[in-house]
Amino acid sequence: MSTISPKPNSISSIIDSYKSIVTKTINQKYPEINFGWQSRFNDHIIRNKQSLYRIREYIRNNPLNWDKDENNLKNI
């Protein structure tokens, strides 16, 4: 199992730790929510200004699509 675990102090291990703490905290405080994360996070190396612009636009516009998301609790 250790061969597939993220390396200590890598971005993956930091995100894993963060998500674990947040999940435990939310589920203790609000057990009725049954909180969970999507299975993976998406990483991308920004190589140029066009890539940076596309990623910024995605982040800015993403909340506009939440009502269409089948996993949004409002849509369940």
C-alpha atoms as a PDB file:
ATOM      1  CA  MET A   1       0.000   0.000   0.000  1.00  0.00           C
ATOM      2  CA  SER A   2       2.853   2.403   0.765  1.00  0.00           C
ATOM      3  CA  THR A   3       3.979   2.323  -2.873  1.00  0.00           C
ATOM      4  CA  ILE A   4       0.723   3.984  -3.984  1.00  0.00           C
ATOM      5  CA  SER A   5       0.407   6.400  -1.054  1.00  0.00           C
ATOM      6  CA  PRO A   6       1.328  10.031  -1.698  1.00  0.00           C
ATOM      7  CA  LYS A   7       4.842  11.049  -0.726  1.00  0.00           C
ATOM      8  CA  PRO A   8       5.071  12.937   2.585  1.00  0.00           C
ATOM      9  CA  ASN A   9       4.779  16.729   2.195  1.00  0.00           C
ATOM     10  CA  SER A  10       3.620  16.421  -1.427  1.00  0.00           C
ATOM     11  CA  ILE A  11       0.602  18.389  -2.595  1.00  0.00           C
ATOM     12  CA  SER A  12      -1.346  15.108  -2.675  1.00  0.00           C
ATOM     13  CA  SER A  13      -0.573  14.292   0.950  1.00  0.00           C
ATOM     14  CA  ILE A  14      -1.430  17.852   2.016  1.00  0.00           C
ATOM     15  CA  ILE A  15      -4.771  17.710   0.198  1.00  0.00           C
ATOM     16  CA  ASP A  16      -5.493  14.222   1.609  1.00  0.00           C
ATOM     17  CA  SER A  17      -4.865  15.500   5.146  1.00  0.00           C
ATOM     18  CA  TYR A  18      -6.971  18.606   4.608  1.00  0.00           C
ATOM     19  CA  LYS A  19      -9.869  16.628   3.157  1.00  0.00           C
ATOM     20  CA  SER A  20      -9.708  14.112   6.000  1.00  0.00           C
ATOM     21  CA  ILE A  21      -9.848  16.809   8.684  1.00  0.00           C
ATOM     22  CA  VAL A  22     -12.659  18.704   6.933  1.00  0.00           C
ATOM     23  CA  THR A  23     -14.698  15.507   6.399  1.00  0.00           C
ATOM     24  CA  LYS A  24     -14.398  14.447  10.049  1.00  0.00           C
ATOM     25  CA  THR A  25     -15.222  17.940  11.318  1.00  0.00           C
ATOM     26  CA  ILE A  26     -18.286  18.399   9.104  1.00  0.00           C
ATOM     27  CA  ASN A  27     -19.617  14.896   9.771  1.00  0.00           C
ATOM     28  CA  GLN A  28     -19.237  15.381  13.538  1.00  0.00           C
ATOM     29  CA  LYS A  29     -20.935  18.770  13.506  1.00  0.00           C
ATOM     30  CA  TYR A  30     -23.577  17.982  10.850  1.00  0.00           C
ATOM     31  CA  PRO A  31     -24.075  14.182  10.718  1.00  0.00           C
ATOM     32  CA  GLU A  32     -27.336  14.580   8.777  1.00  0.00           C
ATOM     33  CA  ILE A  33     -25.446  15.941   5.758  1.00  0.00           C
ATOM     34  CA  ASN A  34     -23.416  12.762   5.073  1.00  0.00           C
ATOM     35  CA  PHE A  35     -20.655  14.949   3.627  1.00  0.00           C
ATOM     36  CA  GLY A  36     -18.246  13.567   1.050  1.00  0.00           C
ATOM     37  CA  TRP A  37     -15.767  14.788  -1.542  1.00  0.00           C
ATOM     38  CA  GLN A  38     -15.608  13.955  -5.207  1.00  0.00           C
ATOM     39  CA  SER A  39     -13.239  11.047  -5.693  1.00  0.00           C
ATOM     40  CA  ARG A  40     -10.235  12.890  -7.157  1.00  0.00           C
ATOM     41  CA  PHE A  41      -8.923  16.410  -7.502  1.00  0.00           C
ATOM     42  CA  ASN A  42      -7.710  17.617 -10.875  1.00  0.00           C
ATOM     43  CA  ASP A  43      -4.237  19.066 -11.171  1.00  0.00           C
ATOM     44  CA  HIS A  44      -2.795  20.831 -14.159  1.00  0.00           C
ATOM     45  CA  ILE A  45       0.580  22.418 -14.883  1.00  0.00           C
ATOM     46  CA  ILE A  46       0.089  25.965 -16.120  1.00  0.00           C
ATOM     47  CA  ARG A  47       2.536  26.342 -18.988  1.00  0.00           C
ATOM     48  CA  ASN A  48       1.512  29.627 -20.563  1.00  0.00           C
ATOM     49  CA  LYS A  49      -0.783  32.651 -20.255  1.00  0.00           C
ATOM     50  CA  GLN A  50      -3.551  31.052 -22.342  1.00  0.00           C
ATOM     51  CA  SER A  51      -3.684  28.055 -20.014  1.00  0.00           C
ATOM     52  CA  LEU A  52      -3.777  30.372 -16.995  1.00  0.00           C
ATOM     53  CA  TYR A  53      -6.605  32.387 -18.563  1.00  0.00           C
ATOM     54  CA  ARG A  54      -8.695  29.241 -19.300  1.00  0.00           C
ATOM     55  CA  ILE A  55      -8.250  27.963 -15.746  1.00  0.00           C
ATOM     56  CA  ARG A  56      -9.179  31.351 -14.261  1.00  0.00           C
ATOM     57  CA  GLU A  57     -12.308  31.494 -16.417  1.00  0.00           C
ATOM     58  CA  TYR A  58     -13.276  27.968 -15.379  1.00  0.00           C
ATOM     59  CA  ILE A  59     -12.914  28.888 -11.696  1.00  0.00           C
ATOM     60  CA  ARG A  60     -14.889  32.123 -12.136  1.00  0.00           C
ATOM     61  CA  ASN A  61     -17.701  30.481 -14.104  1.00  0.00           C
ATOM     62  CA  ASN A  62     -17.919  27.190 -12.224  1.00  0.00           C
ATOM     63  CA  PRO A  63     -20.438  28.390  -9.589  1.00  0.00           C
ATOM     64  CA  LEU A  64     -22.840  29.284 -12.424  1.00  0.00           C
ATOM     65  CA  ASN A  65     -23.071  25.566 -13.245  1.00  0.00           C
ATOM     66  CA  TRP A  66     -23.767  24.308  -9.703  1.00  0.00           C
ATOM     67  CA  ASP A  67     -27.531  24.245 -10.236  1.00  0.00           C
ATOM     68  CA  LYS A  68     -26.979  21.838 -13.163  1.00  0.00           C
ATOM     69  CA  ASP A  69     -24.760  19.495 -11.103  1.00  0.00           C
ATOM     70  CA  GLU A  70     -26.520  16.177 -10.385  1.00  0.00           C
ATOM     71  CA  ASN A  71     -24.526  15.892  -7.131  1.00  0.00           C
ATOM     72  CA  ASN A  72     -25.729  19.257  -5.843  1.00  0.00           C
ATOM     73  CA  LEU A  73     -27.835  18.597  -2.741  1.00  0.00           C
ATOM     74  CA  LYS A  74     -30.419  21.104  -4.013  1.00  0.00           C
ATOM     75  CA  ASN A  75     -31.035  18.828  -7.029  1.00  0.00           C
ATOM     76  CA  ILE A  76     -31.497  15.605  -5.051  1.00  0.00           C
END
